[in-house]
Structure formats: structure tokens, C-alpha cells
Amino acid sequence: MALSTTEASGSSHLVSLSPIGLGALSAVMVLGYSSGLAMPFNMQAISNHFHTSQTVTGAIAAAELLAISGTSFLAAKYAARLDVRRGIGAGMLIVLLANLATLLVTDTALLTIVRIIAGCGAGPAIALTMSLAGRSDNPRITFGVTNSAIGVMGMFLSIGVPTAMENWGMHGAYSVYSLCGLIALPLVLLIPSPPPPPRTAGQTGAAKATPIPPGGWAALIGLALILLGNGVLMMLIFIIGVERSITPATLKLIFFIASAVMAVGPILAGFLGSKVSATMPIGVIVATLVVCAWVLGNIEAGAAYIICAPLFAVLPILMLPIALAAFSLVDPSGRMAGTFPSFMTFGAAFAPFIGGAIKDQGGDPAVGWMAILCIVAGGIMLARLAIRADRIRRALPA
């Protein structure tokens, strides 16, 4: 069986995911979001195909990411009223059709419309998969596997998309994403579709969305700020590497290795996270990100880049299963976990513009300090919920 619902009193909202169900859930999430994960490649492919500026391609990318952000927020809000499997399946079908339609567009205006439609399909699919993961009875392992899938997908995309682009340009890239959608659709059938979380006392009629608990919004914004700070610098990381005389072959190797670590690290973080608090590892990761951001912004030595760049890329992915598991302890309904993708993609939509503008005005040091500001502010906002989650964890029976 793909799923069972925990029947113990007070925990009937939790679900137990089988290996097949968890694998399908993780695969569908990353396959559906493949074009978002490879957005820097897309910007290059679109620019070359239509001979447009980076400003235009950046706007197209932002439109798609903002569509994902808005629709994932709405899907998370109303997840209790939706059939999870059908919602994910409908979203994936829209993504597939939009990726196929991208192969036929003839101008950037039509492309923007098609990519917004793709975002409107991806947003609900991602939010519903994350919402279901947030209801897992073993959230650290669940989020470890789902975030590990991002690393595995990153390894595939880092090789597959550039190779397709070399041979077929933009059509090659979006053919890869279309293939991902074709693979994902039958896997949707293996995703469990649990009943909605039980209504609280006094609720009548249709199931209502469980409100995000006090402090939850601050924690969501905090995690989004950490990822925004990371993204502001990561969007420029290849440019910074070239400026520091790192060869393209070395850059590819560095970030392929980083993707491999992303494939394994979240699972290890999920297993180890069950034995330690959320506050301690999150604090260590935030502090390390701050140090790496300062080094990347201010130290021009190639060795410093080779050490700090992949570390800066990997650490947020290692932190996500710990932070999302903390969300699930504080909010077992899964709504916080389901809402998180909207905050993540909202920040990602603006990271290229913020980083580029700051670099133009103040150079690498200014970008580094902007990243530090976001990471520190986000860490402070996330800390309170992490402390609360640790208190809940300690109160649970062994």
C-alpha cells in the first residue's frame, strides 16, 4: 500500500509514505519543476533563439517564477479542499502541454504567455507534493528524500540540457522538459491521495484550510530570505568564477560535484537530523553561509572560490529538510510546508535582478554584503520557530 493514515488520537492528519509512494512523490516534484531548476540555461537558450537581451529573458523567467509562486500559494491555502493526486496530475498535464507549446512559439510575447501558463501548472503541483510531504509521520526523512531528488535532477539537467542546447538550441532544452513531463504523468498514479486533515471542533461543512500557526509566517519569510540571499550571489557565481580566472571546465566540475553532494546530503541530513535539534544545525549552516558570502564577495584568490562556491551552493539544500521538518512539527497539517514553495520561488524571481543591479553599482563586495544581510535577517526570523520545534520534539515520546 502506498499510504496509511496514523489513527492515534491527535495524529490522524499524519500519513505514512511507502518507499514507492515517497519515490513517486519526489520524482514528480522535480520532474515537474525541471524547467525552473534549469532556469539559467533557459535564459541563455531564449536569448540565443530570439536574439534578445538578458533583461528580456530575465523578465520572461521572472514571469514564470512569479506564476509558480502565486499559484503554489493558493494551492497550499486550499489544499484541504483538493484531491491531492488529481491536483498534482492536472498541474503536471498543464506543464507538459505548455512545454510542448514552447516548441512552437514564434515571438517573446507569446513565449511569455506560454511560460506563465507553465508556471500556473507547476505551482499547484509543487505545493500539493510539499503539502503531502509535510503531513508525513517521518518528515525529516521525507524531506531528506525530496530534497535529495533535487540534487539528482540537478546532475541530470547540468549534462542533459546543455547537450540538447548544443544540438537543437532552445527546442532542445524544452524537449528535455517535455520528456520530463511525459515521465512524470504516469508516476502521478503512484502518489498517495490521503483524506484531508480532520476538521477542528466546531467546523462544519467543507473542510477548511488549517491556519498557519503563530510565528509561522515569520519563519516562512525567514527561510525565503536565506534562499534569496543565497540566490542573489548564486546567480552571479559563474561570472564571479570567470573573473577569478577559474576555467569553464573547472567550473562545470565544481558544480557537478556540488550537485552530487546535493543528491546525498539531504538524506544524511534527514537521518542525522532526527538525533539532533533543529536550532543547532540551522545556526551552523547560517553562520557558514555568512562566512562563504563574505569570502566570495571580498577574497579574489581562486582557492577560496573553489572551496566556498560549492559549499555556498550546497548548504541551503542541506538545511531544507531540517527546516521543513521543523515546520511539520509546529504545523502537522502540512500547510506551512505546502506554502513554502511560493515563498521560495518569489525570492528566486527577483534574485537575478537584485544581484545584477547591485553588482553593477557596487561590484562583488556589495553583492556579498547583500547576501549576508538577507541570510542573517532570515536566520533570526527562522530561529524562533526552530526553537519551538525542538521543544515539541523533546516532549514527544521516544
Protein backbone atom coordinates (compact mmCIF):
# COMPACT_ATOMS: atom_id res chain seq x y z
CA MET A 1 0.00 0.00 0.00
CA ALA A 2 1.27 3.47 -0.85
CA LEU A 3 -0.12 5.14 2.24
CA SER A 4 -1.62 4.63 5.62
CA THR A 5 -3.09 7.23 7.91
CA THR A 6 -1.95 7.26 11.51
CA GLU A 7 -5.01 6.64 13.63
CA ALA A 8 -3.65 7.51 17.04
CA SER A 9 -5.53 10.24 18.80
CA GLY A 10 -4.37 13.64 17.78
CA SER A 11 -2.35 12.35 14.85
CA SER A 12 -4.96 11.30 12.28
CA HIS A 13 -3.67 14.03 9.97
CA LEU A 14 -0.36 12.19 9.54
CA VAL A 15 0.38 9.82 6.67
CA SER A 16 2.91 7.03 6.33
CA LEU A 17 4.54 7.02 2.90
CA SER A 18 5.80 3.74 1.47
CA PRO A 19 9.12 3.77 -0.43
CA ILE A 20 7.20 3.63 -3.72
CA GLY A 21 4.87 6.47 -2.72
CA LEU A 22 7.73 8.64 -1.46
CA GLY A 23 9.82 7.93 -4.54
CA ALA A 24 6.93 8.84 -6.86
CA LEU A 25 6.21 11.99 -4.89
CA SER A 26 9.85 13.12 -5.09
CA ALA A 27 10.21 12.24 -8.77
CA VAL A 28 7.05 14.07 -9.82
CA MET A 29 8.08 17.17 -7.87
CA VAL A 30 11.49 17.53 -9.56
CA LEU A 31 10.30 16.42 -13.00
CA GLY A 32 7.51 18.98 -12.89
CA TYR A 33 9.89 21.72 -11.78
CA SER A 34 12.70 20.78 -14.20
CA SER A 35 12.46 24.00 -16.21
CA GLY A 36 12.63 26.04 -13.02
CA LEU A 37 15.67 24.16 -11.75
CA ALA A 38 17.46 24.83 -15.05
CA MET A 39 16.35 28.46 -15.38
CA PRO A 40 19.87 29.85 -16.09
CA PHE A 41 20.10 27.51 -19.09
CA ASN A 42 16.65 28.62 -20.24
CA MET A 43 17.66 32.28 -20.14
CA GLN A 44 20.66 31.54 -22.33
CA ALA A 45 18.60 29.40 -24.73
CA ILE A 46 15.85 32.02 -25.10
CA SER A 47 18.35 34.83 -25.56
CA ASN A 48 20.18 32.94 -28.31
CA HIS A 49 16.98 31.82 -30.05
CA PHE A 50 15.24 35.20 -30.16
CA HIS A 51 18.41 37.36 -30.05
CA THR A 52 17.12 39.26 -27.04
CA SER A 53 18.87 41.00 -24.15
CA GLN A 54 19.29 39.45 -20.72
CA THR A 55 16.77 42.00 -19.44
CA VAL A 56 14.07 40.49 -21.67
CA THR A 57 14.96 36.90 -20.88
CA GLY A 58 15.15 37.78 -17.18
CA ALA A 59 11.64 39.20 -17.37
CA ILE A 60 10.34 36.01 -19.01
CA ALA A 61 12.00 33.92 -16.31
CA ALA A 62 10.58 36.17 -13.59
CA ALA A 63 7.07 35.87 -15.07
CA GLU A 64 7.21 32.08 -14.96
CA LEU A 65 8.60 32.00 -11.41
CA LEU A 66 6.05 34.53 -10.16
CA ALA A 67 3.26 32.41 -11.69
CA ILE A 68 4.63 29.41 -9.78
CA SER A 69 4.81 31.50 -6.61
CA GLY A 70 1.26 32.81 -6.79
CA THR A 71 -0.45 29.58 -7.78
CA SER A 72 1.50 27.48 -5.29
CA PHE A 73 0.44 29.88 -2.52
CA LEU A 74 -3.23 29.49 -3.49
CA ALA A 75 -2.93 25.71 -3.83
CA ALA A 76 -1.36 25.44 -0.37
CA LYS A 77 -4.08 27.63 1.09
CA TYR A 78 -6.86 25.42 -0.28
CA ALA A 79 -5.03 22.08 -0.15
CA ALA A 80 -7.56 20.72 2.38
CA ARG A 81 -10.31 21.08 -0.23
CA LEU A 82 -8.41 19.43 -3.09
CA ASP A 83 -7.84 15.85 -4.11
CA VAL A 84 -4.05 15.69 -3.90
CA ARG A 85 -3.45 13.19 -6.70
CA ARG A 86 -5.88 14.83 -9.12
CA GLY A 87 -4.50 18.27 -8.36
CA ILE A 88 -0.92 17.17 -8.99
CA GLY A 89 -1.96 15.33 -12.16
CA ALA A 90 -3.82 18.36 -13.54
CA GLY A 91 -0.85 20.59 -12.82
CA MET A 92 1.58 18.21 -14.48
CA LEU A 93 -0.61 17.95 -17.59
CA ILE A 94 -0.62 21.75 -17.91
CA VAL A 95 3.18 21.82 -17.52
CA LEU A 96 3.61 19.16 -20.22
CA LEU A 97 1.31 20.94 -22.69
CA ALA A 98 2.99 24.29 -22.04
CA ASN A 99 6.45 22.79 -22.59
CA LEU A 100 5.29 21.29 -25.87
CA ALA A 101 3.70 24.61 -26.87
CA THR A 102 7.02 26.36 -26.17
CA LEU A 103 8.48 24.41 -29.09
CA LEU A 104 6.01 26.18 -31.41
CA VAL A 105 6.15 29.82 -30.28
CA THR A 106 7.48 32.41 -32.69
CA ASP A 107 7.98 35.54 -30.55
CA THR A 108 8.81 36.52 -26.99
CA ALA A 109 5.34 37.88 -26.19
CA LEU A 110 3.72 34.53 -26.92
CA LEU A 111 6.56 32.74 -25.15
CA THR A 112 5.90 34.80 -22.00
CA ILE A 113 2.23 33.80 -22.03
CA VAL A 114 3.07 30.12 -22.52
CA ARG A 115 5.64 30.16 -19.70
CA ILE A 116 3.16 31.85 -17.36
CA ILE A 117 0.73 29.01 -18.14
CA ALA A 118 3.52 26.52 -17.39
CA GLY A 119 4.06 28.25 -14.05
CA CYS A 120 0.35 28.05 -13.28
CA GLY A 121 0.57 24.28 -13.70
CA ALA A 122 3.84 23.80 -11.83
CA GLY A 123 2.84 25.89 -8.82
CA PRO A 124 -0.09 23.73 -7.62
CA ALA A 125 1.77 20.50 -8.43
CA ILE A 126 4.76 21.55 -6.30
CA ALA A 127 2.63 22.93 -3.47
CA LEU A 128 0.50 19.79 -3.21
CA THR A 129 3.52 17.48 -3.22
CA MET A 130 5.14 19.55 -0.48
CA SER A 131 1.88 19.72 1.48
CA LEU A 132 1.61 15.94 1.39
CA ALA A 133 5.25 15.60 2.43
CA GLY A 134 4.51 17.97 5.31
CA ARG A 135 1.92 15.51 6.64
CA SER A 136 4.44 12.65 6.74
CA ASP A 137 4.82 10.81 10.03
CA ASN A 138 8.61 10.90 9.44
CA PRO A 139 9.13 14.40 7.99
CA ARG A 140 12.91 14.64 8.28
CA ILE A 141 13.43 11.50 6.21
CA THR A 142 10.66 12.51 3.81
CA PHE A 143 12.12 15.96 3.20
CA GLY A 144 15.60 14.45 3.03
CA VAL A 145 14.49 12.26 0.12
CA THR A 146 12.55 15.02 -1.68
CA ASN A 147 15.46 17.45 -1.43
CA SER A 148 17.91 14.74 -2.44
CA ALA A 149 15.86 14.33 -5.61
CA ILE A 150 16.67 17.96 -6.43
CA GLY A 151 20.36 17.11 -6.42
CA VAL A 152 19.85 14.05 -8.60
CA MET A 153 17.80 16.12 -11.04
CA GLY A 154 20.45 18.82 -11.00
CA MET A 155 23.10 16.31 -12.07
CA PHE A 156 20.92 15.16 -14.97
CA LEU A 157 19.97 18.68 -16.07
CA SER A 158 23.54 20.00 -15.82
CA ILE A 159 24.54 17.48 -18.50
CA GLY A 160 21.33 16.84 -20.46
CA VAL A 161 20.13 20.40 -21.06
CA PRO A 162 23.45 21.90 -22.26
CA THR A 163 23.96 18.89 -24.55
CA ALA A 164 20.45 19.31 -26.01
CA MET A 165 21.05 23.04 -26.43
CA GLU A 166 24.31 22.46 -28.30
CA ASN A 167 22.44 20.35 -30.83
CA TRP A 168 18.97 21.90 -31.04
CA GLY A 169 19.10 25.22 -29.19
CA MET A 170 16.02 26.32 -27.26
CA HIS A 171 13.98 23.50 -28.78
CA GLY A 172 16.43 21.01 -27.34
CA ALA A 173 16.10 22.42 -23.82
CA TYR A 174 12.30 22.41 -23.81
CA SER A 175 12.23 18.97 -25.42
CA VAL A 176 14.08 17.73 -22.35
CA TYR A 177 11.47 19.36 -20.08
CA SER A 178 8.67 17.86 -22.20
CA LEU A 179 10.23 14.43 -21.78
CA CYS A 180 10.35 15.02 -18.03
CA GLY A 181 6.63 15.77 -18.08
CA LEU A 182 5.87 12.60 -20.05
CA ILE A 183 7.78 10.54 -17.49
CA ALA A 184 6.06 12.29 -14.57
CA LEU A 185 2.44 11.79 -15.64
CA PRO A 186 2.21 8.01 -15.10
CA LEU A 187 4.13 8.38 -11.81
CA VAL A 188 1.32 10.57 -10.51
CA LEU A 189 -0.79 7.41 -10.24
CA LEU A 190 1.64 6.07 -7.60
CA ILE A 191 1.30 9.15 -5.38
CA PRO A 192 -0.97 8.54 -2.37
CA SER A 193 -4.12 10.61 -2.08
CA PRO A 194 -4.98 10.86 1.63
CA PRO A 195 -8.17 12.32 3.03
CA PRO A 196 -7.92 15.97 4.10
CA PRO A 197 -6.73 16.81 7.63
CA PRO A 198 -9.60 16.39 10.13
CA ARG A 199 -11.69 19.45 10.91
CA THR A 200 -11.20 21.09 14.24
CA ALA A 201 -14.01 21.17 16.78
CA GLY A 202 -16.82 23.44 15.69
CA GLN A 203 -16.09 23.29 11.95
CA THR A 204 -18.98 22.37 9.73
CA GLY A 205 -19.45 21.84 6.03
CA ALA A 206 -16.47 21.57 3.71
CA ALA A 207 -13.02 21.16 5.15
CA LYS A 208 -11.34 24.47 5.86
CA ALA A 209 -7.66 25.24 5.49
CA THR A 210 -5.83 24.94 8.79
CA PRO A 211 -4.38 28.35 9.68
CA ILE A 212 -0.62 28.68 9.79
CA PRO A 213 0.39 28.81 13.48
CA PRO A 214 1.74 31.92 15.23
CA GLY A 215 5.29 32.64 14.14
CA GLY A 216 4.84 30.51 11.03
CA TRP A 217 4.69 33.42 8.61
CA ALA A 218 7.87 34.91 10.09
CA ALA A 219 9.64 31.56 9.73
CA LEU A 220 8.49 31.20 6.12
CA ILE A 221 9.72 34.70 5.31
CA GLY A 222 12.97 33.95 7.14
CA LEU A 223 13.67 30.79 5.15
CA ALA A 224 12.77 32.65 1.94
CA LEU A 225 15.21 35.45 2.86
CA ILE A 226 18.00 32.93 3.41
CA LEU A 227 17.33 31.45 -0.03
CA LEU A 228 17.08 34.94 -1.56
CA GLY A 229 20.47 35.85 -0.11
CA ASN A 230 21.86 32.62 -1.48
CA GLY A 231 20.26 33.23 -4.88
CA VAL A 232 21.48 36.82 -5.18
CA LEU A 233 25.05 35.54 -5.12
CA MET A 234 24.49 32.18 -6.83
CA MET A 235 23.00 33.82 -9.95
CA LEU A 236 26.37 35.50 -10.44
CA ILE A 237 28.57 32.66 -9.25
CA PHE A 238 29.74 31.61 -12.74
CA ILE A 239 30.52 35.21 -13.69
CA ILE A 240 32.48 35.66 -10.46
CA GLY A 241 34.40 32.45 -11.15
CA VAL A 242 35.38 33.60 -14.63
CA GLU A 243 36.50 36.94 -13.17
CA ARG A 244 38.79 35.00 -10.84
CA SER A 245 40.33 33.07 -13.74
CA ILE A 246 38.60 29.75 -12.97
CA THR A 247 38.42 27.80 -16.24
CA PRO A 248 34.99 26.78 -17.60
CA ALA A 249 35.92 23.10 -17.31
CA THR A 250 36.78 23.57 -13.64
CA LEU A 251 33.53 25.46 -13.02
CA LYS A 252 31.50 22.62 -14.56
CA LEU A 253 33.34 20.08 -12.43
CA ILE A 254 32.88 22.12 -9.24
CA PHE A 255 29.14 22.37 -9.64
CA PHE A 256 28.66 18.83 -10.88
CA ILE A 257 30.31 17.69 -7.65
CA ALA A 258 28.08 20.11 -5.74
CA SER A 259 25.02 18.54 -7.39
CA ALA A 260 26.26 15.09 -6.38
CA VAL A 261 26.55 16.28 -2.77
CA MET A 262 23.02 17.69 -3.06
CA ALA A 263 21.85 14.23 -4.08
CA VAL A 264 23.26 12.53 -0.98
CA GLY A 265 23.47 15.29 1.63
CA PRO A 266 19.75 15.89 2.29
CA ILE A 267 19.17 12.20 3.04
CA LEU A 268 22.05 12.23 5.52
CA ALA A 269 20.70 15.45 6.99
CA GLY A 270 17.32 13.79 7.38
CA PHE A 271 18.77 10.78 9.21
CA LEU A 272 21.13 12.78 11.41
CA GLY A 273 18.52 15.45 11.98
CA SER A 274 16.34 13.03 13.91
CA LYS A 275 19.11 12.78 16.52
CA VAL A 276 19.88 16.49 16.95
CA SER A 277 17.92 19.69 17.39
CA ALA A 278 16.80 21.88 14.52
CA THR A 279 18.28 25.01 16.08
CA MET A 280 21.90 23.86 16.20
CA PRO A 281 22.37 22.68 12.58
CA ILE A 282 20.38 25.63 11.20
CA GLY A 283 22.57 28.01 13.22
CA VAL A 284 25.77 26.36 11.97
CA ILE A 285 24.59 26.45 8.34
CA VAL A 286 23.52 30.11 8.54
CA ALA A 287 26.89 31.08 10.07
CA THR A 288 28.79 29.15 7.40
CA LEU A 289 26.74 30.77 4.62
CA VAL A 290 27.62 34.19 6.02
CA VAL A 291 31.34 33.37 6.01
CA CYS A 292 31.17 31.97 2.46
CA ALA A 293 29.27 35.03 1.21
CA TRP A 294 31.91 37.34 2.66
CA VAL A 295 34.76 35.31 1.15
CA LEU A 296 33.13 35.12 -2.29
CA GLY A 297 32.45 38.86 -2.26
CA ASN A 298 35.82 40.03 -0.99
CA ILE A 299 38.58 37.43 -1.49
CA GLU A 300 39.79 37.10 -5.08
CA ALA A 301 42.01 34.04 -4.61
CA GLY A 302 41.00 31.12 -6.81
CA ALA A 303 41.44 28.59 -3.99
CA ALA A 304 38.98 30.49 -1.79
CA TYR A 305 36.42 30.38 -4.61
CA ILE A 306 36.90 26.65 -5.24
CA ILE A 307 36.23 25.93 -1.55
CA CYS A 308 33.43 28.41 -0.83
CA ALA A 309 31.41 28.41 -4.06
CA PRO A 310 30.24 24.76 -3.96
CA LEU A 311 29.77 24.98 -0.18
CA PHE A 312 27.59 28.07 -0.61
CA ALA A 313 25.57 26.23 -3.28
CA VAL A 314 25.04 23.05 -1.25
CA LEU A 315 24.35 24.29 2.29
CA PRO A 316 20.80 25.63 1.73
CA ILE A 317 19.74 22.28 0.24
CA LEU A 318 21.16 20.51 3.31
CA MET A 319 19.24 22.90 5.57
CA LEU A 320 15.86 22.47 3.87
CA PRO A 321 14.93 19.01 5.23
CA ILE A 322 15.76 20.20 8.76
CA ALA A 323 13.79 23.43 8.43
CA LEU A 324 10.83 21.79 6.69
CA ALA A 325 10.72 19.06 9.33
CA ALA A 326 10.58 21.81 11.96
CA PHE A 327 7.67 23.31 10.04
CA SER A 328 5.91 19.95 10.16
CA LEU A 329 6.38 19.59 13.92
CA VAL A 330 4.84 23.00 14.53
CA ASP A 331 2.18 22.58 11.82
CA PRO A 332 1.39 18.87 11.23
CA SER A 333 -1.40 19.81 8.78
CA GLY A 334 1.30 20.36 6.13
CA ARG A 335 0.14 23.85 5.21
CA MET A 336 3.43 25.55 6.13
CA ALA A 337 5.40 23.03 4.05
CA GLY A 338 2.92 23.44 1.20
CA THR A 339 3.15 27.24 1.36
CA PHE A 340 6.95 27.28 1.36
CA PRO A 341 7.42 26.86 -2.45
CA SER A 342 5.55 30.12 -3.07
CA PHE A 343 8.00 32.00 -0.85
CA MET A 344 10.98 30.20 -2.38
CA THR A 345 10.04 30.96 -6.00
CA PHE A 346 9.04 34.55 -5.19
CA GLY A 347 12.57 35.21 -3.98
CA ALA A 348 14.09 33.32 -6.90
CA ALA A 349 12.18 35.52 -9.35
CA PHE A 350 13.87 38.67 -8.04
CA ALA A 351 17.34 37.31 -7.21
CA PRO A 352 18.77 37.86 -10.74
CA PHE A 353 17.62 41.48 -10.86
CA ILE A 354 18.74 42.31 -7.32
CA GLY A 355 22.14 40.66 -7.72
CA GLY A 356 22.79 42.12 -11.16
CA ALA A 357 21.81 45.66 -10.17
CA ILE A 358 23.93 45.59 -7.00
CA LYS A 359 26.92 44.16 -8.87
CA ASP A 360 26.66 46.92 -11.48
CA GLN A 361 26.63 49.57 -8.77
CA GLY A 362 29.00 48.20 -6.13
CA GLY A 363 30.77 45.14 -7.53
CA ASP A 364 31.24 41.77 -5.87
CA PRO A 365 31.69 43.10 -2.31
CA ALA A 366 28.28 44.79 -2.41
CA VAL A 367 26.65 41.58 -3.64
CA GLY A 368 28.33 39.66 -0.83
CA TRP A 369 27.08 42.11 1.80
CA MET A 370 23.56 41.99 0.36
CA ALA A 371 23.64 38.20 0.61
CA ILE A 372 24.88 38.43 4.21
CA LEU A 373 22.12 40.88 5.15
CA CYS A 374 19.40 38.58 3.78
CA ILE A 375 20.89 35.44 5.35
CA VAL A 376 21.34 36.98 8.81
CA ALA A 377 17.85 38.53 8.82
CA GLY A 378 16.34 35.25 7.63
CA GLY A 379 18.24 33.21 10.19
CA ILE A 380 16.96 35.38 13.04
CA MET A 381 13.37 35.05 11.81
CA LEU A 382 13.68 31.27 11.40
CA ALA A 383 15.35 30.72 14.79
CA ARG A 384 12.24 31.25 16.92
CA LEU A 385 10.26 28.54 15.13
CA ALA A 386 13.26 26.17 15.22
CA ILE A 387 13.44 26.59 19.00
CA ARG A 388 9.70 25.93 19.28
CA ALA A 389 10.01 22.80 17.12
CA ASP A 390 12.79 21.48 19.35
CA ARG A 391 10.57 21.90 22.40
CA ILE A 392 7.81 19.93 20.70
CA ARG A 393 10.27 17.20 19.64
CA ARG A 394 11.61 16.81 23.19
CA ALA A 395 8.06 16.45 24.51
CA LEU A 396 7.24 13.60 22.12
CA PRO A 397 7.52 10.02 23.40
CA ALA A 398 10.76 8.27 22.38
